[in-house]
Amino acid sequence: MAPKKKTAKKNPEKSENDLDATYKRSILDIAVLQDHIALQCESIIKVQSDKNDLRRRMRDMEQKLQQERQDHRDINSDLSRQYKTMQTELTNKVKRLEEDVSQLKEELAMCQEELRKGKRDRDQMEQEKDATIADLQHKLDNMEIDYERVLHETLDSLTSQLSVAQQGWKDKSIGLHQNYKELLSEFGLNALDF
């Protein structure tokens, strides 16, 4: 047996929906194309306007260029005249400056000699000051040693006097203790009880 063929039944509602959708898409496509054409037209108009502006600007620039060339020629001749004048002035100025340089060299030599003399004087003063400082430092060191020696001698003397006084007080206190012990024992009391 041969297989049965399925016959596709067309749904009239579905085909109507497809037709509406296609129609709506076509309307959108047309609107997009119209917008695109409008943009292209605006772009062409802007390009033509820019082209005319550029031609006008080019004419203006050519006129300016001609004017600038004339100005350049005028300036060039004026600069040549100024150059010659400046060259003459510069030559004179160079001569004056050379004279000033030679005079300044002489003054520099004198100033350098004065500077050397000032340095020698300053060095001599510094040496004298250093010698004075060294002498004073030596005297200060000697005074410090003398004061230290006097201080040690005084402290040693004071220590020995204190030792002698301490020994005297010890001897005296031992004697006093002995007297009190004897007095207490005379009264019949024991000194260790107190």
N, C-alpha and C. Protein backbone atom coordinates (compact mmCIF):
# COMPACT_ATOMS: atom_id res chain seq x y z
N MET A 1 0.82 -1.17 0.00
CA MET A 1 0.00 0.00 0.00
C MET A 1 0.87 1.24 0.00
N ALA A 2 0.46 2.12 -0.76
CA ALA A 2 1.21 3.36 -0.87
C ALA A 2 0.79 4.30 0.26
N PRO A 3 1.77 5.08 0.78
CA PRO A 3 1.43 5.98 1.87
C PRO A 3 0.48 7.07 1.39
N LYS A 4 -0.36 7.49 2.32
CA LYS A 4 -1.34 8.51 1.98
C LYS A 4 -0.66 9.88 2.03
N LYS A 5 -0.99 10.70 1.07
CA LYS A 5 -0.45 12.05 1.02
C LYS A 5 -1.37 12.96 1.80
N LYS A 6 -0.71 13.78 2.61
CA LYS A 6 -1.48 14.75 3.37
C LYS A 6 -1.68 15.98 2.50
N THR A 7 -2.84 16.41 2.40
CA THR A 7 -3.13 17.61 1.64
C THR A 7 -3.17 18.77 2.61
N ALA A 8 -2.44 19.82 2.26
CA ALA A 8 -2.38 20.99 3.14
C ALA A 8 -3.61 21.82 2.92
N LYS A 9 -4.31 21.99 3.98
CA LYS A 9 -5.48 22.85 3.90
C LYS A 9 -5.02 24.26 4.24
N LYS A 10 -5.36 25.16 3.40
CA LYS A 10 -4.96 26.55 3.63
C LYS A 10 -5.96 27.17 4.56
N ASN A 11 -5.36 27.81 5.55
CA ASN A 11 -6.18 28.50 6.53
C ASN A 11 -6.36 29.93 6.03
N PRO A 12 -7.58 30.33 5.72
CA PRO A 12 -7.79 31.65 5.14
C PRO A 12 -7.42 32.75 6.13
N GLU A 13 -7.59 32.57 7.44
CA GLU A 13 -7.26 33.60 8.41
C GLU A 13 -5.76 33.81 8.48
N LYS A 14 -5.05 32.69 8.39
CA LYS A 14 -3.58 32.78 8.46
C LYS A 14 -3.03 33.52 7.26
N SER A 15 -3.53 33.26 6.09
CA SER A 15 -3.03 33.91 4.91
C SER A 15 -3.40 35.39 4.93
N GLU A 16 -4.52 35.75 5.54
CA GLU A 16 -4.90 37.16 5.67
C GLU A 16 -3.93 37.88 6.63
N ASN A 17 -3.58 37.20 7.70
CA ASN A 17 -2.62 37.79 8.66
C ASN A 17 -1.26 37.99 8.01
N ASP A 18 -0.82 37.02 7.21
CA ASP A 18 0.47 37.14 6.51
C ASP A 18 0.43 38.32 5.54
N LEU A 19 -0.70 38.48 4.87
CA LEU A 19 -0.84 39.56 3.91
C LEU A 19 -0.80 40.91 4.63
N ASP A 20 -1.47 41.02 5.80
CA ASP A 20 -1.45 42.27 6.58
C ASP A 20 -0.03 42.57 7.06
N ALA A 21 0.65 41.53 7.53
CA ALA A 21 2.02 41.73 8.02
C ALA A 21 2.93 42.18 6.89
N THR A 22 2.79 41.57 5.72
CA THR A 22 3.61 41.94 4.56
C THR A 22 3.30 43.37 4.17
N TYR A 23 2.04 43.75 4.20
CA TYR A 23 1.62 45.11 3.85
C TYR A 23 2.24 46.12 4.83
N LYS A 24 2.15 45.81 6.12
CA LYS A 24 2.71 46.72 7.12
C LYS A 24 4.23 46.86 6.95
N ARG A 25 4.89 45.73 6.67
CA ARG A 25 6.34 45.78 6.44
C ARG A 25 6.68 46.62 5.22
N SER A 26 5.86 46.48 4.19
CA SER A 26 6.08 47.25 2.96
C SER A 26 5.93 48.74 3.25
N ILE A 27 4.92 49.09 4.06
CA ILE A 27 4.71 50.50 4.40
C ILE A 27 5.92 51.02 5.18
N LEU A 28 6.43 50.22 6.14
CA LEU A 28 7.62 50.63 6.90
C LEU A 28 8.84 50.78 5.99
N ASP A 29 8.99 49.81 5.06
CA ASP A 29 10.13 49.88 4.13
C ASP A 29 10.05 51.14 3.28
N ILE A 30 8.84 51.46 2.83
CA ILE A 30 8.65 52.66 2.00
C ILE A 30 9.01 53.91 2.82
N ALA A 31 8.54 53.94 4.09
CA ALA A 31 8.83 55.11 4.94
C ALA A 31 10.35 55.24 5.16
N VAL A 32 11.03 54.10 5.38
CA VAL A 32 12.49 54.13 5.57
C VAL A 32 13.17 54.61 4.30
N LEU A 33 12.72 54.11 3.14
CA LEU A 33 13.33 54.53 1.87
C LEU A 33 13.09 56.02 1.62
N GLN A 34 11.89 56.50 1.97
CA GLN A 34 11.60 57.93 1.78
C GLN A 34 12.52 58.78 2.68
N ASP A 35 12.69 58.32 3.93
CA ASP A 35 13.61 59.05 4.82
C ASP A 35 15.03 59.05 4.26
N HIS A 36 15.42 57.90 3.71
CA HIS A 36 16.78 57.77 3.15
C HIS A 36 16.94 58.72 1.96
N ILE A 37 15.90 58.77 1.09
CA ILE A 37 15.95 59.66 -0.09
C ILE A 37 16.01 61.11 0.39
N ALA A 38 15.22 61.44 1.42
CA ALA A 38 15.22 62.82 1.93
C ALA A 38 16.60 63.18 2.47
N LEU A 39 17.22 62.25 3.19
CA LEU A 39 18.58 62.50 3.71
C LEU A 39 19.57 62.69 2.57
N GLN A 40 19.45 61.84 1.51
CA GLN A 40 20.36 61.96 0.37
C GLN A 40 20.19 63.33 -0.30
N CYS A 41 18.92 63.77 -0.43
CA CYS A 41 18.65 65.07 -1.05
C CYS A 41 19.27 66.19 -0.22
N GLU A 42 19.08 66.13 1.11
CA GLU A 42 19.68 67.14 1.98
C GLU A 42 21.19 67.13 1.87
N SER A 43 21.75 65.91 1.79
CA SER A 43 23.21 65.78 1.68
C SER A 43 23.70 66.39 0.38
N ILE A 44 22.97 66.16 -0.72
CA ILE A 44 23.38 66.70 -2.04
C ILE A 44 23.30 68.23 -1.99
N ILE A 45 22.23 68.76 -1.39
CA ILE A 45 22.08 70.22 -1.30
C ILE A 45 23.21 70.81 -0.48
N LYS A 46 23.55 70.16 0.63
CA LYS A 46 24.65 70.65 1.49
C LYS A 46 25.98 70.60 0.75
N VAL A 47 26.21 69.52 -0.02
CA VAL A 47 27.46 69.39 -0.78
C VAL A 47 27.56 70.49 -1.83
N GLN A 48 26.45 70.77 -2.54
CA GLN A 48 26.48 71.83 -3.55
C GLN A 48 26.72 73.20 -2.89
N SER A 49 26.08 73.40 -1.71
CA SER A 49 26.29 74.66 -1.00
C SER A 49 27.75 74.79 -0.57
N ASP A 50 28.30 73.68 -0.04
CA ASP A 50 29.71 73.69 0.38
C ASP A 50 30.62 73.95 -0.81
N LYS A 51 30.26 73.35 -1.99
CA LYS A 51 31.08 73.54 -3.19
C LYS A 51 31.10 75.01 -3.59
N ASN A 52 29.92 75.65 -3.54
CA ASN A 52 29.85 77.08 -3.88
C ASN A 52 30.64 77.92 -2.87
N ASP A 53 30.51 77.56 -1.57
CA ASP A 53 31.27 78.28 -0.54
C ASP A 53 32.77 78.13 -0.78
N LEU A 54 33.18 76.92 -1.15
CA LEU A 54 34.62 76.67 -1.37
C LEU A 54 35.13 77.47 -2.57
N ARG A 55 34.31 77.55 -3.64
CA ARG A 55 34.73 78.33 -4.81
C ARG A 55 34.89 79.81 -4.43
N ARG A 56 33.89 80.31 -3.64
CA ARG A 56 33.96 81.70 -3.21
C ARG A 56 35.20 81.92 -2.33
N ARG A 57 35.43 81.01 -1.42
CA ARG A 57 36.60 81.14 -0.55
C ARG A 57 37.90 81.05 -1.34
N MET A 58 37.90 80.18 -2.39
CA MET A 58 39.09 80.05 -3.21
C MET A 58 39.39 81.36 -3.94
N ARG A 59 38.34 82.02 -4.46
CA ARG A 59 38.54 83.32 -5.12
C ARG A 59 39.09 84.34 -4.11
N ASP A 60 38.47 84.33 -2.91
CA ASP A 60 38.95 85.26 -1.87
C ASP A 60 40.41 84.99 -1.54
N MET A 61 40.75 83.71 -1.43
CA MET A 61 42.14 83.35 -1.09
C MET A 61 43.11 83.77 -2.19
N GLU A 62 42.68 83.62 -3.46
CA GLU A 62 43.55 84.04 -4.57
C GLU A 62 43.80 85.55 -4.51
N GLN A 63 42.73 86.30 -4.20
CA GLN A 63 42.89 87.75 -4.08
C GLN A 63 43.83 88.09 -2.92
N LYS A 64 43.64 87.37 -1.79
CA LYS A 64 44.53 87.60 -0.64
C LYS A 64 45.96 87.24 -0.99
N LEU A 65 46.12 86.15 -1.74
CA LEU A 65 47.46 85.71 -2.12
C LEU A 65 48.14 86.78 -2.98
N GLN A 66 47.39 87.35 -3.94
CA GLN A 66 47.95 88.42 -4.77
C GLN A 66 48.36 89.61 -3.90
N GLN A 67 47.46 89.96 -2.97
CA GLN A 67 47.75 91.09 -2.09
C GLN A 67 48.98 90.78 -1.23
N GLU A 68 49.05 89.54 -0.72
CA GLU A 68 50.18 89.16 0.13
C GLU A 68 51.49 89.16 -0.66
N ARG A 69 51.42 88.75 -1.93
CA ARG A 69 52.65 88.78 -2.76
C ARG A 69 53.14 90.22 -2.92
N GLN A 70 52.17 91.13 -3.16
CA GLN A 70 52.55 92.54 -3.29
C GLN A 70 53.12 93.05 -1.96
N ASP A 71 52.43 92.71 -0.86
CA ASP A 71 52.93 93.11 0.46
C ASP A 71 54.31 92.53 0.71
N HIS A 72 54.52 91.28 0.29
CA HIS A 72 55.81 90.62 0.48
C HIS A 72 56.91 91.38 -0.27
N ARG A 73 56.60 91.78 -1.52
CA ARG A 73 57.60 92.54 -2.27
C ARG A 73 57.91 93.87 -1.57
N ASP A 74 56.86 94.54 -1.09
CA ASP A 74 57.07 95.81 -0.39
C ASP A 74 57.89 95.61 0.88
N ILE A 75 57.51 94.58 1.63
CA ILE A 75 58.23 94.30 2.89
C ILE A 75 59.67 93.92 2.60
N ASN A 76 59.88 93.15 1.53
CA ASN A 76 61.23 92.71 1.17
C ASN A 76 62.13 93.91 0.87
N SER A 77 61.60 94.85 0.13
CA SER A 77 62.43 96.03 -0.20
C SER A 77 62.68 96.86 1.07
N ASP A 78 61.65 96.97 1.91
CA ASP A 78 61.81 97.72 3.16
C ASP A 78 62.82 97.03 4.07
N LEU A 79 62.75 95.69 4.13
CA LEU A 79 63.69 94.95 4.97
C LEU A 79 65.12 95.08 4.47
N SER A 80 65.29 95.11 3.15
CA SER A 80 66.65 95.29 2.59
C SER A 80 67.22 96.63 3.02
N ARG A 81 66.40 97.66 2.97
CA ARG A 81 66.84 98.99 3.38
C ARG A 81 67.18 98.98 4.87
N GLN A 82 66.27 98.38 5.68
CA GLN A 82 66.52 98.30 7.13
C GLN A 82 67.77 97.49 7.44
N TYR A 83 67.99 96.41 6.66
CA TYR A 83 69.17 95.57 6.88
C TYR A 83 70.45 96.36 6.69
N LYS A 84 70.50 97.13 5.62
CA LYS A 84 71.71 97.92 5.37
C LYS A 84 71.94 98.94 6.49
N THR A 85 70.85 99.58 6.94
CA THR A 85 70.96 100.54 8.03
C THR A 85 71.44 99.86 9.31
N MET A 86 70.83 98.72 9.61
CA MET A 86 71.21 97.98 10.82
C MET A 86 72.65 97.48 10.75
N GLN A 87 73.06 97.07 9.55
CA GLN A 87 74.43 96.58 9.41
C GLN A 87 75.43 97.69 9.74
N THR A 88 75.14 98.89 9.26
CA THR A 88 76.02 100.02 9.56
C THR A 88 76.02 100.30 11.07
N GLU A 89 74.82 100.32 11.66
CA GLU A 89 74.72 100.58 13.09
C GLU A 89 75.43 99.49 13.90
N LEU A 90 75.27 98.25 13.43
CA LEU A 90 75.89 97.13 14.16
C LEU A 90 77.41 97.21 14.10
N THR A 91 77.93 97.61 12.95
CA THR A 91 79.38 97.74 12.83
C THR A 91 79.90 98.78 13.83
N ASN A 92 79.20 99.90 13.92
CA ASN A 92 79.60 100.94 14.88
C ASN A 92 79.47 100.42 16.31
N LYS A 93 78.39 99.70 16.57
CA LYS A 93 78.18 99.18 17.92
C LYS A 93 79.26 98.18 18.29
N VAL A 94 79.66 97.33 17.33
CA VAL A 94 80.72 96.34 17.60
C VAL A 94 82.01 97.04 17.98
N LYS A 95 82.32 98.12 17.29
CA LYS A 95 83.55 98.87 17.62
C LYS A 95 83.48 99.42 19.04
N ARG A 96 82.31 100.02 19.37
CA ARG A 96 82.16 100.56 20.73
C ARG A 96 82.27 99.44 21.78
N LEU A 97 81.64 98.32 21.49
CA LEU A 97 81.68 97.21 22.45
C LEU A 97 83.10 96.66 22.62
N GLU A 98 83.85 96.61 21.55
CA GLU A 98 85.23 96.13 21.66
C GLU A 98 86.03 97.06 22.57
N GLU A 99 85.80 98.37 22.43
CA GLU A 99 86.48 99.33 23.31
C GLU A 99 86.04 99.10 24.77
N ASP A 100 84.72 98.88 24.96
CA ASP A 100 84.22 98.63 26.32
C ASP A 100 84.82 97.36 26.90
N VAL A 101 84.97 96.33 26.04
CA VAL A 101 85.54 95.05 26.51
C VAL A 101 86.96 95.25 26.99
N SER A 102 87.74 95.98 26.23
CA SER A 102 89.14 96.18 26.65
C SER A 102 89.19 96.97 27.97
N GLN A 103 88.33 97.96 28.12
CA GLN A 103 88.30 98.73 29.37
C GLN A 103 87.86 97.82 30.52
N LEU A 104 86.83 96.99 30.29
CA LEU A 104 86.34 96.09 31.33
C LEU A 104 87.39 95.05 31.72
N LYS A 105 88.18 94.62 30.74
CA LYS A 105 89.26 93.66 31.06
C LYS A 105 90.26 94.28 32.02
N GLU A 106 90.59 95.55 31.77
CA GLU A 106 91.52 96.24 32.68
C GLU A 106 90.92 96.34 34.08
N GLU A 107 89.63 96.72 34.14
CA GLU A 107 88.97 96.83 35.44
C GLU A 107 88.90 95.46 36.13
N LEU A 108 88.66 94.41 35.34
CA LEU A 108 88.60 93.06 35.90
C LEU A 108 89.95 92.67 36.50
N ALA A 109 91.04 92.99 35.80
CA ALA A 109 92.37 92.66 36.31
C ALA A 109 92.61 93.37 37.65
N MET A 110 92.20 94.66 37.74
CA MET A 110 92.38 95.38 39.00
C MET A 110 91.52 94.77 40.11
N CYS A 111 90.28 94.41 39.77
CA CYS A 111 89.39 93.81 40.78
C CYS A 111 89.92 92.46 41.26
N GLN A 112 90.48 91.68 40.33
CA GLN A 112 91.04 90.38 40.72
C GLN A 112 92.23 90.56 41.65
N GLU A 113 93.05 91.60 41.38
CA GLU A 113 94.19 91.86 42.26
C GLU A 113 93.70 92.26 43.65
N GLU A 114 92.66 93.12 43.69
CA GLU A 114 92.10 93.52 44.98
C GLU A 114 91.51 92.31 45.70
N LEU A 115 90.88 91.43 44.95
CA LEU A 115 90.30 90.23 45.54
C LEU A 115 91.38 89.33 46.13
N ARG A 116 92.47 89.15 45.40
CA ARG A 116 93.58 88.34 45.93
C ARG A 116 94.13 88.95 47.21
N LYS A 117 94.28 90.28 47.20
CA LYS A 117 94.78 90.96 48.40
C LYS A 117 93.80 90.77 49.56
N GLY A 118 92.50 90.92 49.28
CA GLY A 118 91.49 90.73 50.31
C GLY A 118 91.52 89.30 50.86
N LYS A 119 91.73 88.33 49.98
CA LYS A 119 91.81 86.92 50.42
C LYS A 119 93.02 86.70 51.32
N ARG A 120 94.16 87.32 50.91
CA ARG A 120 95.37 87.18 51.74
C ARG A 120 95.13 87.77 53.13
N ASP A 121 94.54 88.98 53.15
CA ASP A 121 94.25 89.62 54.44
C ASP A 121 93.29 88.77 55.27
N ARG A 122 92.27 88.25 54.62
CA ARG A 122 91.30 87.43 55.35
C ARG A 122 91.95 86.15 55.89
N ASP A 123 92.81 85.52 55.05
CA ASP A 123 93.51 84.31 55.50
C ASP A 123 94.40 84.61 56.70
N GLN A 124 95.10 85.76 56.63
CA GLN A 124 95.97 86.14 57.75
C GLN A 124 95.14 86.38 59.01
N MET A 125 94.00 87.08 58.86
CA MET A 125 93.13 87.32 60.02
C MET A 125 92.60 86.00 60.59
N GLU A 126 92.25 85.08 59.70
CA GLU A 126 91.74 83.78 60.17
C GLU A 126 92.83 83.01 60.92
N GLN A 127 94.06 83.09 60.40
CA GLN A 127 95.17 82.40 61.10
C GLN A 127 95.37 83.01 62.49
N GLU A 128 95.35 84.36 62.55
CA GLU A 128 95.53 85.02 63.85
C GLU A 128 94.38 84.64 64.79
N LYS A 129 93.16 84.63 64.25
CA LYS A 129 91.99 84.28 65.07
C LYS A 129 92.11 82.82 65.55
N ASP A 130 92.51 81.92 64.63
CA ASP A 130 92.67 80.50 65.02
C ASP A 130 93.74 80.35 66.10
N ALA A 131 94.84 81.13 65.96
CA ALA A 131 95.91 81.06 66.98
C ALA A 131 95.38 81.57 68.33
N THR A 132 94.62 82.68 68.29
CA THR A 132 94.05 83.22 69.53
C THR A 132 93.09 82.21 70.16
N ILE A 133 92.26 81.59 69.33
CA ILE A 133 91.31 80.60 69.84
C ILE A 133 92.06 79.42 70.45
N ALA A 134 93.12 78.96 69.75
CA ALA A 134 93.89 77.82 70.27
C ALA A 134 94.53 78.19 71.60
N ASP A 135 95.07 79.41 71.70
CA ASP A 135 95.69 79.85 72.95
C ASP A 135 94.66 79.91 74.07
N LEU A 136 93.50 80.50 73.78
CA LEU A 136 92.44 80.58 74.79
C LEU A 136 91.95 79.19 75.19
N GLN A 137 91.85 78.30 74.20
CA GLN A 137 91.42 76.93 74.50
C GLN A 137 92.44 76.24 75.41
N HIS A 138 93.73 76.47 75.13
CA HIS A 138 94.79 75.89 75.96
C HIS A 138 94.68 76.42 77.40
N LYS A 139 94.47 77.77 77.52
CA LYS A 139 94.33 78.36 78.85
C LYS A 139 93.10 77.79 79.57
N LEU A 140 92.01 77.65 78.80
CA LEU A 140 90.78 77.10 79.37
C LEU A 140 90.99 75.67 79.86
N ASP A 141 91.70 74.88 79.04
CA ASP A 141 91.99 73.49 79.44
C ASP A 141 92.83 73.46 80.72
N ASN A 142 93.85 74.36 80.79
CA ASN A 142 94.69 74.41 81.99
C ASN A 142 93.87 74.83 83.21
N MET A 143 92.98 75.83 83.03
CA MET A 143 92.15 76.26 84.15
C MET A 143 91.23 75.12 84.60
N GLU A 144 90.73 74.39 83.64
CA GLU A 144 89.83 73.27 83.96
C GLU A 144 90.60 72.22 84.78
N ILE A 145 91.84 71.94 84.37
CA ILE A 145 92.66 70.96 85.10
C ILE A 145 92.95 71.47 86.51
N ASP A 146 93.29 72.79 86.61
CA ASP A 146 93.57 73.38 87.93
C ASP A 146 92.34 73.31 88.83
N TYR A 147 91.15 73.70 88.27
CA TYR A 147 89.93 73.64 89.07
C TYR A 147 89.60 72.21 89.49
N GLU A 148 89.85 71.28 88.60
CA GLU A 148 89.57 69.87 88.92
C GLU A 148 90.49 69.40 90.05
N ARG A 149 91.78 69.81 89.95
CA ARG A 149 92.74 69.41 90.99
C ARG A 149 92.34 70.01 92.34
N VAL A 150 91.99 71.34 92.33
CA VAL A 150 91.59 72.01 93.58
C VAL A 150 90.34 71.33 94.15
N LEU A 151 89.40 71.00 93.28
CA LEU A 151 88.16 70.36 93.72
C LEU A 151 88.46 69.00 94.35
N HIS A 152 89.33 68.22 93.70
CA HIS A 152 89.69 66.90 94.25
C HIS A 152 90.39 67.04 95.60
N GLU A 153 91.31 68.03 95.65
CA GLU A 153 92.03 68.23 96.92
C GLU A 153 91.05 68.62 98.03
N THR A 154 90.10 69.52 97.71
CA THR A 154 89.12 69.97 98.69
C THR A 154 88.24 68.80 99.13
N LEU A 155 87.79 68.02 98.15
CA LEU A 155 86.94 66.86 98.48
C LEU A 155 87.71 65.83 99.31
N ASP A 156 88.99 65.60 98.96
CA ASP A 156 89.80 64.65 99.73
C ASP A 156 89.97 65.15 101.17
N SER A 157 90.25 66.47 101.30
CA SER A 157 90.43 67.05 102.63
C SER A 157 89.14 66.95 103.43
N LEU A 158 88.01 67.25 102.78
CA LEU A 158 86.71 67.17 103.45
C LEU A 158 86.40 65.73 103.85
N THR A 159 86.72 64.80 102.96
CA THR A 159 86.47 63.37 103.27
C THR A 159 87.31 62.94 104.47
N SER A 160 88.59 63.36 104.49
CA SER A 160 89.44 62.95 105.62
C SER A 160 88.95 63.61 106.92
N GLN A 161 88.50 64.89 106.83
CA GLN A 161 87.97 65.55 108.03
C GLN A 161 86.71 64.85 108.52
N LEU A 162 85.86 64.44 107.55
CA LEU A 162 84.63 63.72 107.92
C LEU A 162 84.97 62.37 108.56
N SER A 163 85.99 61.71 108.03
CA SER A 163 86.41 60.42 108.61
C SER A 163 86.89 60.61 110.05
N VAL A 164 87.70 61.69 110.25
CA VAL A 164 88.21 61.96 111.60
C VAL A 164 87.04 62.29 112.53
N ALA A 165 86.10 63.11 112.04
CA ALA A 165 84.94 63.48 112.87
C ALA A 165 84.10 62.25 113.16
N GLN A 166 83.93 61.39 112.15
CA GLN A 166 83.13 60.18 112.36
C GLN A 166 83.78 59.28 113.40
N GLN A 167 85.06 59.15 113.28
CA GLN A 167 85.78 58.30 114.26
C GLN A 167 85.63 58.89 115.66
N GLY A 168 85.73 60.23 115.77
CA GLY A 168 85.56 60.89 117.07
C GLY A 168 84.15 60.65 117.61
N TRP A 169 83.13 60.77 116.79
CA TRP A 169 81.75 60.52 117.24
C TRP A 169 81.55 59.07 117.63
N LYS A 170 82.19 58.17 116.86
CA LYS A 170 82.07 56.74 117.22
C LYS A 170 82.67 56.50 118.60
N ASP A 171 83.88 57.05 118.80
CA ASP A 171 84.54 56.85 120.11
C ASP A 171 83.68 57.45 121.22
N LYS A 172 83.14 58.63 120.97
CA LYS A 172 82.34 59.30 121.98
C LYS A 172 81.06 58.51 122.24
N SER A 173 80.44 58.00 121.19
CA SER A 173 79.18 57.27 121.38
C SER A 173 79.42 55.96 122.10
N ILE A 174 80.57 55.32 121.83
CA ILE A 174 80.88 54.07 122.55
C ILE A 174 81.06 54.39 124.04
N GLY A 175 81.75 55.49 124.34
CA GLY A 175 81.94 55.90 125.74
C GLY A 175 80.61 56.20 126.40
N LEU A 176 79.72 56.90 125.72
CA LEU A 176 78.40 57.22 126.26
C LEU A 176 77.59 55.95 126.50
N HIS A 177 77.63 55.05 125.56
CA HIS A 177 76.91 53.78 125.71
C HIS A 177 77.41 53.02 126.92
N GLN A 178 78.69 53.03 127.06
CA GLN A 178 79.29 52.31 128.20
C GLN A 178 78.83 52.95 129.52
N ASN A 179 78.82 54.27 129.57
CA ASN A 179 78.36 54.98 130.78
C ASN A 179 76.90 54.65 131.07
N TYR A 180 76.05 54.68 130.07
CA TYR A 180 74.63 54.36 130.28
C TYR A 180 74.44 52.93 130.73
N LYS A 181 75.22 51.99 130.19
CA LYS A 181 75.12 50.58 130.60
C LYS A 181 75.47 50.46 132.09
N GLU A 182 76.53 51.19 132.45
CA GLU A 182 76.95 51.11 133.86
C GLU A 182 75.89 51.72 134.76
N LEU A 183 75.30 52.86 134.35
CA LEU A 183 74.25 53.47 135.14
C LEU A 183 73.05 52.56 135.26
N LEU A 184 72.66 51.92 134.17
CA LEU A 184 71.52 51.01 134.20
C LEU A 184 71.80 49.81 135.09
N SER A 185 73.01 49.31 135.01
CA SER A 185 73.33 48.15 135.85
C SER A 185 73.39 48.55 137.32
N GLU A 186 73.74 49.79 137.64
CA GLU A 186 73.74 50.27 139.03
C GLU A 186 72.31 50.29 139.55
N PHE A 187 71.38 50.59 138.69
CA PHE A 187 69.98 50.60 139.11
C PHE A 187 69.37 49.22 139.00
N GLY A 188 70.14 48.25 138.56
CA GLY A 188 69.69 46.87 138.49
C GLY A 188 68.93 46.58 137.21
N LEU A 189 69.12 47.34 136.22
CA LEU A 189 68.42 47.12 134.94
C LEU A 189 69.40 46.58 133.91
N ASN A 190 68.83 45.80 133.03
CA ASN A 190 69.65 45.21 131.96
C ASN A 190 69.52 46.10 130.72
N ALA A 191 70.60 46.48 130.10
CA ALA A 191 70.61 47.41 128.96
C ALA A 191 69.99 46.74 127.72
N LEU A 192 70.03 45.43 127.63
CA LEU A 192 69.48 44.72 126.46
C LEU A 192 67.97 44.73 126.47
N ASP A 193 67.32 44.99 127.60
CA ASP A 193 65.86 45.02 127.68
C ASP A 193 65.31 46.26 126.99
N PHE A 194 66.06 47.27 126.85
CA PHE A 194 65.57 48.53 126.27
C PHE A 194 65.78 48.57 124.84
